[in-house]
Amino acid sequence: MNSCQLTLKGEHVLTVETSEEELVVSDKKAVEIAKAISSETRWEILKIIRERKIDVSRIAETLNQTEANISAQIKILEKAGLIRSYYSPGQHGVKKVCEPAVKRVVIIISD
């Protein structure tokens, strides 16, 4: 498992386990990232997908929430660049599968 670390002013603040890339942000994008991870539900989604690729219905089941709410939360995480998703054939049609998009998030406060 890889770690996604949030760093503010060079100081480690928190860690999320994910895969692949590093995302370096500042200004408006940094605010967007901070807002995206400020929700407990979205934070729980990030923790769930760090373990494995998982579809929206299973995330909803795990968190005891509706698929509609989880889908809305996933859109926010996708827009922030923290997760990516794709559609895969399922038993009853297609399912949306989510996975981490980044390994680390670095927030630059000043240059």
PDB file of N, CA and C in Angstrom:
ATOM      1  N   MET A   1       0.819  -1.181   0.000  1.00  0.00           N
ATOM      2  CA  MET A   1       0.000   0.000   0.000  1.00  0.00           C
ATOM      3  C   MET A   1       0.867   1.250   0.000  1.00  0.00           C
ATOM      4  N   ASN A   2       0.448   2.275  -0.708  1.00  0.00           N
ATOM      5  CA  ASN A   2       1.158   3.541  -0.758  1.00  0.00           C
ATOM      6  C   ASN A   2       0.470   4.554   0.140  1.00  0.00           C
ATOM      7  N   SER A   3       1.159   5.626   0.472  1.00  0.00           N
ATOM      8  CA  SER A   3       0.581   6.669   1.304  1.00  0.00           C
ATOM      9  C   SER A   3       0.359   7.940   0.515  1.00  0.00           C
ATOM     10  N   CYS A   4      -0.752   8.593   0.754  1.00  0.00           N
ATOM     11  CA  CYS A   4      -1.022   9.925   0.233  1.00  0.00           C
ATOM     12  C   CYS A   4      -0.888  10.862   1.419  1.00  0.00           C
ATOM     13  N   GLN A   5       0.052  11.784   1.359  1.00  0.00           N
ATOM     14  CA  GLN A   5       0.315  12.660   2.491  1.00  0.00           C
ATOM     15  C   GLN A   5      -0.096  14.082   2.172  1.00  0.00           C
ATOM     16  N   LEU A   6      -0.769  14.724   3.112  1.00  0.00           N
ATOM     17  CA  LEU A   6      -1.113  16.131   2.993  1.00  0.00           C
ATOM     18  C   LEU A   6      -0.077  16.910   3.775  1.00  0.00           C
ATOM     19  N   THR A   7       0.618  17.814   3.080  1.00  0.00           N
ATOM     20  CA  THR A   7       1.685  18.587   3.694  1.00  0.00           C
ATOM     21  C   THR A   7       1.340  20.064   3.614  1.00  0.00           C
ATOM     22  N   LEU A   8       1.383  20.766   4.731  1.00  0.00           N
ATOM     23  CA  LEU A   8       1.168  22.203   4.771  1.00  0.00           C
ATOM     24  C   LEU A   8       2.429  22.872   5.278  1.00  0.00           C
ATOM     25  N   LYS A   9       2.956  23.829   4.511  1.00  0.00           N
ATOM     26  CA  LYS A   9       4.186  24.543   4.870  1.00  0.00           C
ATOM     27  C   LYS A   9       5.315  23.582   5.209  1.00  0.00           C
ATOM     28  N   GLY A  10       5.424  22.520   4.459  1.00  0.00           N
ATOM     29  CA  GLY A  10       6.491  21.558   4.675  1.00  0.00           C
ATOM     30  C   GLY A  10       6.286  20.655   5.878  1.00  0.00           C
ATOM     31  N   GLU A  11       5.158  20.793   6.567  1.00  0.00           N
ATOM     32  CA  GLU A  11       4.892  19.987   7.759  1.00  0.00           C
ATOM     33  C   GLU A  11       3.807  18.963   7.453  1.00  0.00           C
ATOM     34  N   HIS A  12       4.075  17.698   7.746  1.00  0.00           N
ATOM     35  CA  HIS A  12       3.113  16.623   7.506  1.00  0.00           C
ATOM     36  C   HIS A  12       1.885  16.839   8.384  1.00  0.00           C
ATOM     37  N   VAL A  13       0.697  16.795   7.753  1.00  0.00           N
ATOM     38  CA  VAL A  13      -0.541  17.018   8.487  1.00  0.00           C
ATOM     39  C   VAL A  13      -1.351  15.737   8.622  1.00  0.00           C
ATOM     40  N   LEU A  14      -1.531  14.994   7.525  1.00  0.00           N
ATOM     41  CA  LEU A  14      -2.290  13.751   7.578  1.00  0.00           C
ATOM     42  C   LEU A  14      -1.897  12.843   6.432  1.00  0.00           C
ATOM     43  N   THR A  15      -2.304  11.581   6.528  1.00  0.00           N
ATOM     44  CA  THR A  15      -1.949  10.591   5.523  1.00  0.00           C
ATOM     45  C   THR A  15      -3.185   9.809   5.096  1.00  0.00           C
ATOM     46  N   VAL A  16      -3.298   9.568   3.792  1.00  0.00           N
ATOM     47  CA  VAL A  16      -4.330   8.695   3.231  1.00  0.00           C
ATOM     48  C   VAL A  16      -3.600   7.692   2.355  1.00  0.00           C
ATOM     49  N   GLU A  17      -3.972   6.433   2.435  1.00  0.00           N
ATOM     50  CA  GLU A  17      -3.325   5.421   1.602  1.00  0.00           C
ATOM     51  C   GLU A  17      -3.997   5.378   0.231  1.00  0.00           C
ATOM     52  N   THR A  18      -3.188   5.474  -0.833  1.00  0.00           N
ATOM     53  CA  THR A  18      -3.711   5.426  -2.199  1.00  0.00           C
ATOM     54  C   THR A  18      -2.685   4.801  -3.137  1.00  0.00           C
ATOM     55  N   SER A  19      -2.808   5.064  -4.423  1.00  0.00           N
ATOM     56  CA  SER A  19      -1.862   4.510  -5.399  1.00  0.00           C
ATOM     57  C   SER A  19      -1.178   5.597  -6.206  1.00  0.00           C
ATOM     58  N   GLU A  20      -0.511   5.433  -7.151  1.00  0.00           N
ATOM     59  CA  GLU A  20       0.134   6.064  -8.275  1.00  0.00           C
ATOM     60  C   GLU A  20       0.790   7.435  -8.188  1.00  0.00           C
ATOM     61  N   GLU A  21       0.121   8.551  -8.408  1.00  0.00           N
ATOM     62  CA  GLU A  21       0.769   9.822  -8.708  1.00  0.00           C
ATOM     63  C   GLU A  21       0.817  10.802  -7.539  1.00  0.00           C
ATOM     64  N   GLU A  22       1.594  11.870  -7.742  1.00  0.00           N
ATOM     65  CA  GLU A  22       1.644  12.966  -6.779  1.00  0.00           C
ATOM     66  C   GLU A  22       0.887  14.148  -7.367  1.00  0.00           C
ATOM     67  N   LEU A  23       0.095  14.806  -6.546  1.00  0.00           N
ATOM     68  CA  LEU A  23      -0.660  15.976  -6.955  1.00  0.00           C
ATOM     69  C   LEU A  23      -0.161  17.157  -6.136  1.00  0.00           C
ATOM     70  N   VAL A  24       0.406  18.158  -6.804  1.00  0.00           N
ATOM     71  CA  VAL A  24       0.904  19.355  -6.131  1.00  0.00           C
ATOM     72  C   VAL A  24      -0.040  20.491  -6.483  1.00  0.00           C
ATOM     73  N   VAL A  25      -0.587  21.149  -5.454  1.00  0.00           N
ATOM     74  CA  VAL A  25      -1.587  22.188  -5.689  1.00  0.00           C
ATOM     75  C   VAL A  25      -1.300  23.429  -4.861  1.00  0.00           C
ATOM     76  N   SER A  26      -1.863  24.539  -5.305  1.00  0.00           N
ATOM     77  CA  SER A  26      -1.812  25.783  -4.538  1.00  0.00           C
ATOM     78  C   SER A  26      -3.056  26.599  -4.892  1.00  0.00           C
ATOM     79  N   ASP A  27      -3.235  27.690  -4.205  1.00  0.00           N
ATOM     80  CA  ASP A  27      -4.324  28.631  -4.457  1.00  0.00           C
ATOM     81  C   ASP A  27      -5.694  27.953  -4.480  1.00  0.00           C
ATOM     82  N   LYS A  28      -6.491  28.203  -5.531  1.00  0.00           N
ATOM     83  CA  LYS A  28      -7.871  27.704  -5.578  1.00  0.00           C
ATOM     84  C   LYS A  28      -7.943  26.181  -5.564  1.00  0.00           C
ATOM     85  N   LYS A  29      -7.017  25.524  -6.229  1.00  0.00           N
ATOM     86  CA  LYS A  29      -7.027  24.054  -6.251  1.00  0.00           C
ATOM     87  C   LYS A  29      -6.757  23.504  -4.855  1.00  0.00           C
ATOM     88  N   ALA A  30      -5.901  24.163  -4.083  1.00  0.00           N
ATOM     89  CA  ALA A  30      -5.631  23.732  -2.707  1.00  0.00           C
ATOM     90  C   ALA A  30      -6.892  23.838  -1.859  1.00  0.00           C
ATOM     91  N   VAL A  31      -7.649  24.906  -2.056  1.00  0.00           N
ATOM     92  CA  VAL A  31      -8.908  25.081  -1.323  1.00  0.00           C
ATOM     93  C   VAL A  31      -9.891  23.985  -1.717  1.00  0.00           C
ATOM     94  N   GLU A  32      -9.952  23.666  -3.009  1.00  0.00           N
ATOM     95  CA  GLU A  32     -10.838  22.604  -3.489  1.00  0.00           C
ATOM     96  C   GLU A  32     -10.476  21.254  -2.858  1.00  0.00           C
ATOM     97  N   ILE A  33      -9.194  20.950  -2.788  1.00  0.00           N
ATOM     98  CA  ILE A  33      -8.739  19.698  -2.162  1.00  0.00           C
ATOM     99  C   ILE A  33      -9.116  19.685  -0.686  1.00  0.00           C
ATOM    100  N   ALA A  34      -8.859  20.792  -0.006  1.00  0.00           N
ATOM    101  CA  ALA A  34      -9.176  20.871   1.427  1.00  0.00           C
ATOM    102  C   ALA A  34     -10.670  20.672   1.666  1.00  0.00           C
ATOM    103  N   LYS A  35     -11.496  21.283   0.843  1.00  0.00           N
ATOM    104  CA  LYS A  35     -12.947  21.108   0.976  1.00  0.00           C
ATOM    105  C   LYS A  35     -13.346  19.660   0.701  1.00  0.00           C
ATOM    106  N   ALA A  36     -12.722  19.064  -0.303  1.00  0.00           N
ATOM    107  CA  ALA A  36     -13.064  17.686  -0.669  1.00  0.00           C
ATOM    108  C   ALA A  36     -12.773  16.708   0.461  1.00  0.00           C
ATOM    109  N   ILE A  37     -11.683  16.901   1.180  1.00  0.00           N
ATOM    110  CA  ILE A  37     -11.345  15.955   2.252  1.00  0.00           C
ATOM    111  C   ILE A  37     -11.912  16.363   3.605  1.00  0.00           C
ATOM    112  N   SER A  38     -12.630  17.506   3.649  1.00  0.00           N
ATOM    113  CA  SER A  38     -13.186  17.958   4.927  1.00  0.00           C
ATOM    114  C   SER A  38     -14.464  17.224   5.315  1.00  0.00           C
ATOM    115  N   SER A  39     -15.078  16.535   4.376  1.00  0.00           N
ATOM    116  CA  SER A  39     -16.291  15.770   4.653  1.00  0.00           C
ATOM    117  C   SER A  39     -15.926  14.396   5.207  1.00  0.00           C
ATOM    118  N   GLU A  40     -16.575  14.018   6.291  1.00  0.00           N
ATOM    119  CA  GLU A  40     -16.306  12.698   6.882  1.00  0.00           C
ATOM    120  C   GLU A  40     -16.649  11.578   5.900  1.00  0.00           C
ATOM    121  N   THR A  41     -17.745  11.733   5.175  1.00  0.00           N
ATOM    122  CA  THR A  41     -18.138  10.714   4.199  1.00  0.00           C
ATOM    123  C   THR A  41     -17.095  10.578   3.100  1.00  0.00           C
ATOM    124  N   ARG A  42     -16.642  11.701   2.560  1.00  0.00           N
ATOM    125  CA  ARG A  42     -15.627  11.637   1.504  1.00  0.00           C
ATOM    126  C   ARG A  42     -14.323  11.064   2.032  1.00  0.00           C
ATOM    127  N   TRP A  43     -13.975  11.406   3.263  1.00  0.00           N
ATOM    128  CA  TRP A  43     -12.766  10.847   3.875  1.00  0.00           C
ATOM    129  C   TRP A  43     -12.896   9.328   3.990  1.00  0.00           C
ATOM    130  N   GLU A  44     -14.062   8.850   4.400  1.00  0.00           N
ATOM    131  CA  GLU A  44     -14.298   7.409   4.519  1.00  0.00           C
ATOM    132  C   GLU A  44     -14.223   6.732   3.149  1.00  0.00           C
ATOM    133  N   ILE A  45     -14.731   7.393   2.117  1.00  0.00           N
ATOM    134  CA  ILE A  45     -14.635   6.839   0.759  1.00  0.00           C
ATOM    135  C   ILE A  45     -13.173   6.668   0.372  1.00  0.00           C
ATOM    136  N   LEU A  46     -12.353   7.683   0.637  1.00  0.00           N
ATOM    137  CA  LEU A  46     -10.921   7.580   0.329  1.00  0.00           C
ATOM    138  C   LEU A  46     -10.276   6.418   1.073  1.00  0.00           C
ATOM    139  N   LYS A  47     -10.656   6.225   2.324  1.00  0.00           N
ATOM    140  CA  LYS A  47     -10.095   5.119   3.107  1.00  0.00           C
ATOM    141  C   LYS A  47     -10.517   3.765   2.538  1.00  0.00           C
ATOM    142  N   ILE A  48     -11.760   3.677   2.073  1.00  0.00           N
ATOM    143  CA  ILE A  48     -12.254   2.417   1.513  1.00  0.00           C
ATOM    144  C   ILE A  48     -11.538   2.083   0.204  1.00  0.00           C
ATOM    145  N   ILE A  49     -11.395   3.059  -0.683  1.00  0.00           N
ATOM    146  CA  ILE A  49     -10.807   2.753  -1.993  1.00  0.00           C
ATOM    147  C   ILE A  49      -9.298   2.603  -1.950  1.00  0.00           C
ATOM    148  N   ARG A  50      -8.668   2.968  -0.857  1.00  0.00           N
ATOM    149  CA  ARG A  50      -7.212   2.761  -0.781  1.00  0.00           C
ATOM    150  C   ARG A  50      -6.886   1.274  -0.744  1.00  0.00           C
ATOM    151  N   GLU A  51      -7.814   0.468  -0.262  1.00  0.00           N
ATOM    152  CA  GLU A  51      -7.623  -0.977  -0.137  1.00  0.00           C
ATOM    153  C   GLU A  51      -7.774  -1.699  -1.474  1.00  0.00           C
ATOM    154  N   ARG A  52      -8.762  -1.251  -2.273  1.00  0.00           N
ATOM    155  CA  ARG A  52      -9.058  -1.946  -3.529  1.00  0.00           C
ATOM    156  C   ARG A  52     -10.005  -1.098  -4.377  1.00  0.00           C
ATOM    157  N   LYS A  53     -10.079  -1.418  -5.659  1.00  0.00           N
ATOM    158  CA  LYS A  53     -11.077  -0.805  -6.532  1.00  0.00           C
ATOM    159  C   LYS A  53     -12.433  -1.310  -6.066  1.00  0.00           C
ATOM    160  N   ILE A  54     -13.409  -0.440  -6.017  1.00  0.00           N
ATOM    161  CA  ILE A  54     -14.713  -0.835  -5.489  1.00  0.00           C
ATOM    162  C   ILE A  54     -15.815  -0.031  -6.172  1.00  0.00           C
ATOM    163  N   ASP A  55     -16.980  -0.660  -6.367  1.00  0.00           N
ATOM    164  CA  ASP A  55     -18.063   0.033  -7.051  1.00  0.00           C
ATOM    165  C   ASP A  55     -18.918   0.840  -6.071  1.00  0.00           C
ATOM    166  N   VAL A  56     -19.665   1.781  -6.628  1.00  0.00           N
ATOM    167  CA  VAL A  56     -20.453   2.730  -5.842  1.00  0.00           C
ATOM    168  C   VAL A  56     -21.438   2.017  -4.921  1.00  0.00           C
ATOM    169  N   SER A  57     -22.101   0.974  -5.403  1.00  0.00           N
ATOM    170  CA  SER A  57     -23.092   0.287  -4.566  1.00  0.00           C
ATOM    171  C   SER A  57     -22.444  -0.356  -3.340  1.00  0.00           C
ATOM    172  N   ARG A  58     -21.250  -0.887  -3.484  1.00  0.00           N
ATOM    173  CA  ARG A  58     -20.559  -1.491  -2.329  1.00  0.00           C
ATOM    174  C   ARG A  58     -20.070  -0.419  -1.349  1.00  0.00           C
ATOM    175  N   ILE A  59     -19.640   0.719  -1.876  1.00  0.00           N
ATOM    176  CA  ILE A  59     -19.253   1.824  -0.989  1.00  0.00           C
ATOM    177  C   ILE A  59     -20.472   2.265  -0.187  1.00  0.00           C
ATOM    178  N   ALA A  60     -21.612   2.422  -0.872  1.00  0.00           N
ATOM    179  CA  ALA A  60     -22.848   2.832  -0.200  1.00  0.00           C
ATOM    180  C   ALA A  60     -23.243   1.824   0.877  1.00  0.00           C
ATOM    181  N   GLU A  61     -23.139   0.555   0.545  1.00  0.00           N
ATOM    182  CA  GLU A  61     -23.465  -0.511   1.500  1.00  0.00           C
ATOM    183  C   GLU A  61     -22.525  -0.468   2.706  1.00  0.00           C
ATOM    184  N   THR A  62     -21.237  -0.305   2.456  1.00  0.00           N
ATOM    185  CA  THR A  62     -20.239  -0.266   3.526  1.00  0.00           C
ATOM    186  C   THR A  62     -20.473   0.907   4.468  1.00  0.00           C
ATOM    187  N   LEU A  63     -20.840   2.062   3.904  1.00  0.00           N
ATOM    188  CA  LEU A  63     -21.035   3.267   4.717  1.00  0.00           C
ATOM    189  C   LEU A  63     -22.483   3.450   5.167  1.00  0.00           C
ATOM    190  N   ASN A  64     -23.347   2.501   4.788  1.00  0.00           N
ATOM    191  CA  ASN A  64     -24.762   2.550   5.150  1.00  0.00           C
ATOM    192  C   ASN A  64     -25.401   3.862   4.684  1.00  0.00           C
ATOM    193  N   GLN A  65     -25.145   4.204   3.421  1.00  0.00           N
ATOM    194  CA  GLN A  65     -25.697   5.416   2.821  1.00  0.00           C
ATOM    195  C   GLN A  65     -26.289   5.065   1.463  1.00  0.00           C
ATOM    196  N   THR A  66     -27.045   6.001   0.901  1.00  0.00           N
ATOM    197  CA  THR A  66     -27.660   5.751  -0.401  1.00  0.00           C
ATOM    198  C   THR A  66     -26.621   5.850  -1.517  1.00  0.00           C
ATOM    199  N   GLU A  67     -26.891   5.142  -2.604  1.00  0.00           N
ATOM    200  CA  GLU A  67     -26.004   5.221  -3.768  1.00  0.00           C
ATOM    201  C   GLU A  67     -25.994   6.638  -4.334  1.00  0.00           C
ATOM    202  N   ALA A  68     -27.141   7.320  -4.277  1.00  0.00           N
ATOM    203  CA  ALA A  68     -27.216   8.695  -4.785  1.00  0.00           C
ATOM    204  C   ALA A  68     -26.273   9.612  -4.010  1.00  0.00           C
ATOM    205  N   ASN A  69     -26.256   9.486  -2.688  1.00  0.00           N
ATOM    206  CA  ASN A  69     -25.363  10.323  -1.880  1.00  0.00           C
ATOM    207  C   ASN A  69     -23.902   9.989  -2.159  1.00  0.00           C
ATOM    208  N   ILE A  70     -23.586   8.711  -2.221  1.00  0.00           N
ATOM    209  CA  ILE A  70     -22.200   8.309  -2.489  1.00  0.00           C
ATOM    210  C   ILE A  70     -21.767   8.794  -3.871  1.00  0.00           C
ATOM    211  N   SER A  71     -22.643   8.697  -4.862  1.00  0.00           N
ATOM    212  CA  SER A  71     -22.319   9.190  -6.205  1.00  0.00           C
ATOM    213  C   SER A  71     -22.019  10.683  -6.186  1.00  0.00           C
ATOM    214  N   ALA A  72     -22.797  11.443  -5.434  1.00  0.00           N
ATOM    215  CA  ALA A  72     -22.561  12.891  -5.324  1.00  0.00           C
ATOM    216  C   ALA A  72     -21.210  13.173  -4.668  1.00  0.00           C
ATOM    217  N   GLN A  73     -20.876  12.411  -3.636  1.00  0.00           N
ATOM    218  CA  GLN A  73     -19.598  12.599  -2.945  1.00  0.00           C
ATOM    219  C   GLN A  73     -18.430  12.218  -3.855  1.00  0.00           C
ATOM    220  N   ILE A  74     -18.612  11.172  -4.638  1.00  0.00           N
ATOM    221  CA  ILE A  74     -17.568  10.719  -5.564  1.00  0.00           C
ATOM    222  C   ILE A  74     -17.299  11.774  -6.633  1.00  0.00           C
ATOM    223  N   LYS A  75     -18.347  12.435  -7.118  1.00  0.00           N
ATOM    224  CA  LYS A  75     -18.162  13.502  -8.110  1.00  0.00           C
ATOM    225  C   LYS A  75     -17.267  14.608  -7.554  1.00  0.00           C
ATOM    226  N   ILE A  76     -17.439  14.951  -6.298  1.00  0.00           N
ATOM    227  CA  ILE A  76     -16.607  15.988  -5.666  1.00  0.00           C
ATOM    228  C   ILE A  76     -15.160  15.524  -5.590  1.00  0.00           C
ATOM    229  N   LEU A  77     -14.948  14.272  -5.193  1.00  0.00           N
ATOM    230  CA  LEU A  77     -13.586  13.728  -5.114  1.00  0.00           C
ATOM    231  C   LEU A  77     -12.940  13.621  -6.495  1.00  0.00           C
ATOM    232  N   GLU A  78     -13.733  13.280  -7.507  1.00  0.00           N
ATOM    233  CA  GLU A  78     -13.216  13.222  -8.881  1.00  0.00           C
ATOM    234  C   GLU A  78     -12.819  14.614  -9.365  1.00  0.00           C
ATOM    235  N   LYS A  79     -13.679  15.591  -9.121  1.00  0.00           N
ATOM    236  CA  LYS A  79     -13.394  16.966  -9.544  1.00  0.00           C
ATOM    237  C   LYS A  79     -12.119  17.482  -8.886  1.00  0.00           C
ATOM    238  N   ALA A  80     -11.894  17.077  -7.643  1.00  0.00           N
ATOM    239  CA  ALA A  80     -10.685  17.490  -6.921  1.00  0.00           C
ATOM    240  C   ALA A  80      -9.449  16.735  -7.407  1.00  0.00           C
ATOM    241  N   GLY A  81      -9.646  15.683  -8.199  1.00  0.00           N
ATOM    242  CA  GLY A  81      -8.521  14.911  -8.723  1.00  0.00           C
ATOM    243  C   GLY A  81      -7.994  13.855  -7.769  1.00  0.00           C
ATOM    244  N   LEU A  82      -8.788  13.513  -6.751  1.00  0.00           N
ATOM    245  CA  LEU A  82      -8.340  12.539  -5.755  1.00  0.00           C
ATOM    246  C   LEU A  82      -8.680  11.103  -6.121  1.00  0.00           C
ATOM    247  N   ILE A  83      -9.747  10.912  -6.872  1.00  0.00           N
ATOM    248  CA  ILE A  83     -10.107   9.565  -7.316  1.00  0.00           C
ATOM    249  C   ILE A  83     -10.466   9.607  -8.795  1.00  0.00           C
ATOM    250  N   ARG A  84     -10.484   8.437  -9.405  1.00  0.00           N
ATOM    251  CA  ARG A  84     -10.966   8.298 -10.776  1.00  0.00           C
ATOM    252  C   ARG A  84     -11.920   7.106 -10.791  1.00  0.00           C
ATOM    253  N   SER A  85     -12.763   7.081 -11.780  1.00  0.00           N
ATOM    254  CA  SER A  85     -13.722   5.981 -11.868  1.00  0.00           C
ATOM    255  C   SER A  85     -13.922   5.586 -13.326  1.00  0.00           C
ATOM    256  N   TYR A  86     -14.461   4.415 -13.496  1.00  0.00           N
ATOM    257  CA  TYR A  86     -14.763   3.899 -14.829  1.00  0.00           C
ATOM    258  C   TYR A  86     -15.956   2.965 -14.702  1.00  0.00           C
ATOM    259  N   TYR A  87     -16.572   2.664 -15.818  1.00  0.00           N
ATOM    260  CA  TYR A  87     -17.729   1.781 -15.815  1.00  0.00           C
ATOM    261  C   TYR A  87     -17.307   0.382 -16.230  1.00  0.00           C
ATOM    262  N   SER A  88     -17.886  -0.601 -15.548  1.00  0.00           N
ATOM    263  CA  SER A  88     -17.555  -1.996 -15.784  1.00  0.00           C
ATOM    264  C   SER A  88     -18.853  -2.806 -15.841  1.00  0.00           C
ATOM    265  N   PRO A  89     -18.897  -3.858 -16.661  1.00  0.00           N
ATOM    266  CA  PRO A  89     -20.101  -4.688 -16.698  1.00  0.00           C
ATOM    267  C   PRO A  89     -20.383  -5.297 -15.322  1.00  0.00           C
ATOM    268  N   GLY A  90     -21.647  -5.255 -14.926  1.00  0.00           N
ATOM    269  CA  GLY A  90     -22.061  -5.842 -13.656  1.00  0.00           C
ATOM    270  C   GLY A  90     -23.133  -6.884 -13.893  1.00  0.00           C
ATOM    271  N   GLN A  91     -23.670  -7.432 -12.820  1.00  0.00           N
ATOM    272  CA  GLN A  91     -24.706  -8.455 -12.940  1.00  0.00           C
ATOM    273  C   GLN A  91     -25.985  -7.904 -13.558  1.00  0.00           C
ATOM    274  N   HIS A  92     -26.315  -6.659 -13.221  1.00  0.00           N
ATOM    275  CA  HIS A  92     -27.565  -6.045 -13.691  1.00  0.00           C
ATOM    276  C   HIS A  92     -27.272  -4.756 -14.450  1.00  0.00           C
ATOM    277  N   GLY A  93     -26.425  -4.819 -15.449  1.00  0.00           N
ATOM    278  CA  GLY A  93     -26.053  -3.629 -16.211  1.00  0.00           C
ATOM    279  C   GLY A  93     -24.608  -3.259 -15.949  1.00  0.00           C
ATOM    280  N   VAL A  94     -24.334  -1.955 -15.922  1.00  0.00           N
ATOM    281  CA  VAL A  94     -22.966  -1.505 -15.665  1.00  0.00           C
ATOM    282  C   VAL A  94     -22.856  -0.950 -14.250  1.00  0.00           C
ATOM    283  N   LYS A  95     -21.641  -0.983 -13.727  1.00  0.00           N
ATOM    284  CA  LYS A  95     -21.397  -0.432 -12.397  1.00  0.00           C
ATOM    285  C   LYS A  95     -20.233   0.549 -12.485  1.00  0.00           C
ATOM    286  N   LYS A  96     -20.288   1.574 -11.651  1.00  0.00           N
ATOM    287  CA  LYS A  96     -19.225   2.571 -11.600  1.00  0.00           C
ATOM    288  C   LYS A  96     -18.215   2.122 -10.550  1.00  0.00           C
ATOM    289  N   VAL A  97     -16.969   1.925 -10.983  1.00  0.00           N
ATOM    290  CA  VAL A  97     -15.901   1.447 -10.106  1.00  0.00           C
ATOM    291  C   VAL A  97     -14.956   2.609  -9.819  1.00  0.00           C
ATOM    292  N   CYS A  98     -14.576   2.764  -8.559  1.00  0.00           N
ATOM    293  CA  CYS A  98     -13.713   3.870  -8.133  1.00  0.00           C
ATOM    294  C   CYS A  98     -12.358   3.353  -7.671  1.00  0.00           C
ATOM    295  N   GLU A  99     -11.326   4.181  -7.916  1.00  0.00           N
ATOM    296  CA  GLU A  99      -9.977   3.872  -7.460  1.00  0.00           C
ATOM    297  C   GLU A  99      -9.246   5.177  -7.162  1.00  0.00           C
ATOM    298  N   PRO A 100      -8.204   5.123  -6.342  1.00  0.00           N
ATOM    299  CA  PRO A 100      -7.434   6.339  -6.045  1.00  0.00           C
ATOM    300  C   PRO A 100      -6.758   6.875  -7.306  1.00  0.00           C
ATOM    301  N   ALA A 101      -6.659   8.188  -7.404  1.00  0.00           N
ATOM    302  CA  ALA A 101      -5.994   8.811  -8.549  1.00  0.00           C
ATOM    303  C   ALA A 101      -4.599   9.307  -8.194  1.00  0.00           C
ATOM    304  N   VAL A 102      -4.321   9.464  -6.914  1.00  0.00           N
ATOM    305  CA  VAL A 102      -3.035  10.030  -6.503  1.00  0.00           C
ATOM    306  C   VAL A 102      -2.439   9.264  -5.332  1.00  0.00           C
ATOM    307  N   LYS A 103      -1.137   9.360  -5.228  1.00  0.00           N
ATOM    308  CA  LYS A 103      -0.404   8.764  -4.114  1.00  0.00           C
ATOM    309  C   LYS A 103      -0.190   9.802  -3.008  1.00  0.00           C
ATOM    310  N   ARG A 104       0.139  11.017  -3.423  1.00  0.00           N
ATOM    311  CA  ARG A 104       0.411  12.092  -2.464  1.00  0.00           C
ATOM    312  C   ARG A 104      -0.264  13.373  -2.917  1.00  0.00           C
ATOM    313  N   VAL A 105      -0.703  14.153  -1.951  1.00  0.00           N
ATOM    314  CA  VAL A 105      -1.203  15.495  -2.220  1.00  0.00           C
ATOM    315  C   VAL A 105      -0.304  16.455  -1.462  1.00  0.00           C
ATOM    316  N   VAL A 106       0.278  17.393  -2.194  1.00  0.00           N
ATOM    317  CA  VAL A 106       1.137  18.403  -1.581  1.00  0.00           C
ATOM    318  C   VAL A 106       0.488  19.757  -1.822  1.00  0.00           C
ATOM    319  N   ILE A 107       0.203  20.470  -0.751  1.00  0.00           N
ATOM    320  CA  ILE A 107      -0.392  21.798  -0.858  1.00  0.00           C
ATOM    321  C   ILE A 107       0.696  22.836  -0.619  1.00  0.00           C
ATOM    322  N   ILE A 108       0.894  23.690  -1.614  1.00  0.00           N
ATOM    323  CA  ILE A 108       1.882  24.759  -1.522  1.00  0.00           C
ATOM    324  C   ILE A 108       1.158  26.022  -1.068  1.00  0.00           C
ATOM    325  N   ILE A 109       1.524  26.537   0.091  1.00  0.00           N
ATOM    326  CA  ILE A 109       0.879  27.741   0.609  1.00  0.00           C
ATOM    327  C   ILE A 109       1.534  28.995   0.046  1.00  0.00           C
ATOM    328  N   SER A 110       2.856  29.005  -0.049  1.00  0.00           N
ATOM    329  CA  SER A 110       3.544  30.151  -0.653  1.00  0.00           C
ATOM    330  C   SER A 110       4.770  29.657  -1.407  1.00  0.00           C
ATOM    331  N   ASP A 111       5.150  30.410  -2.426  1.00  0.00           N
ATOM    332  CA  ASP A 111       6.311  30.019  -3.240  1.00  0.00           C
ATOM    333  C   ASP A 111       7.600  30.494  -2.630  1.00  0.00           C
TER     334      ASP A 111
END
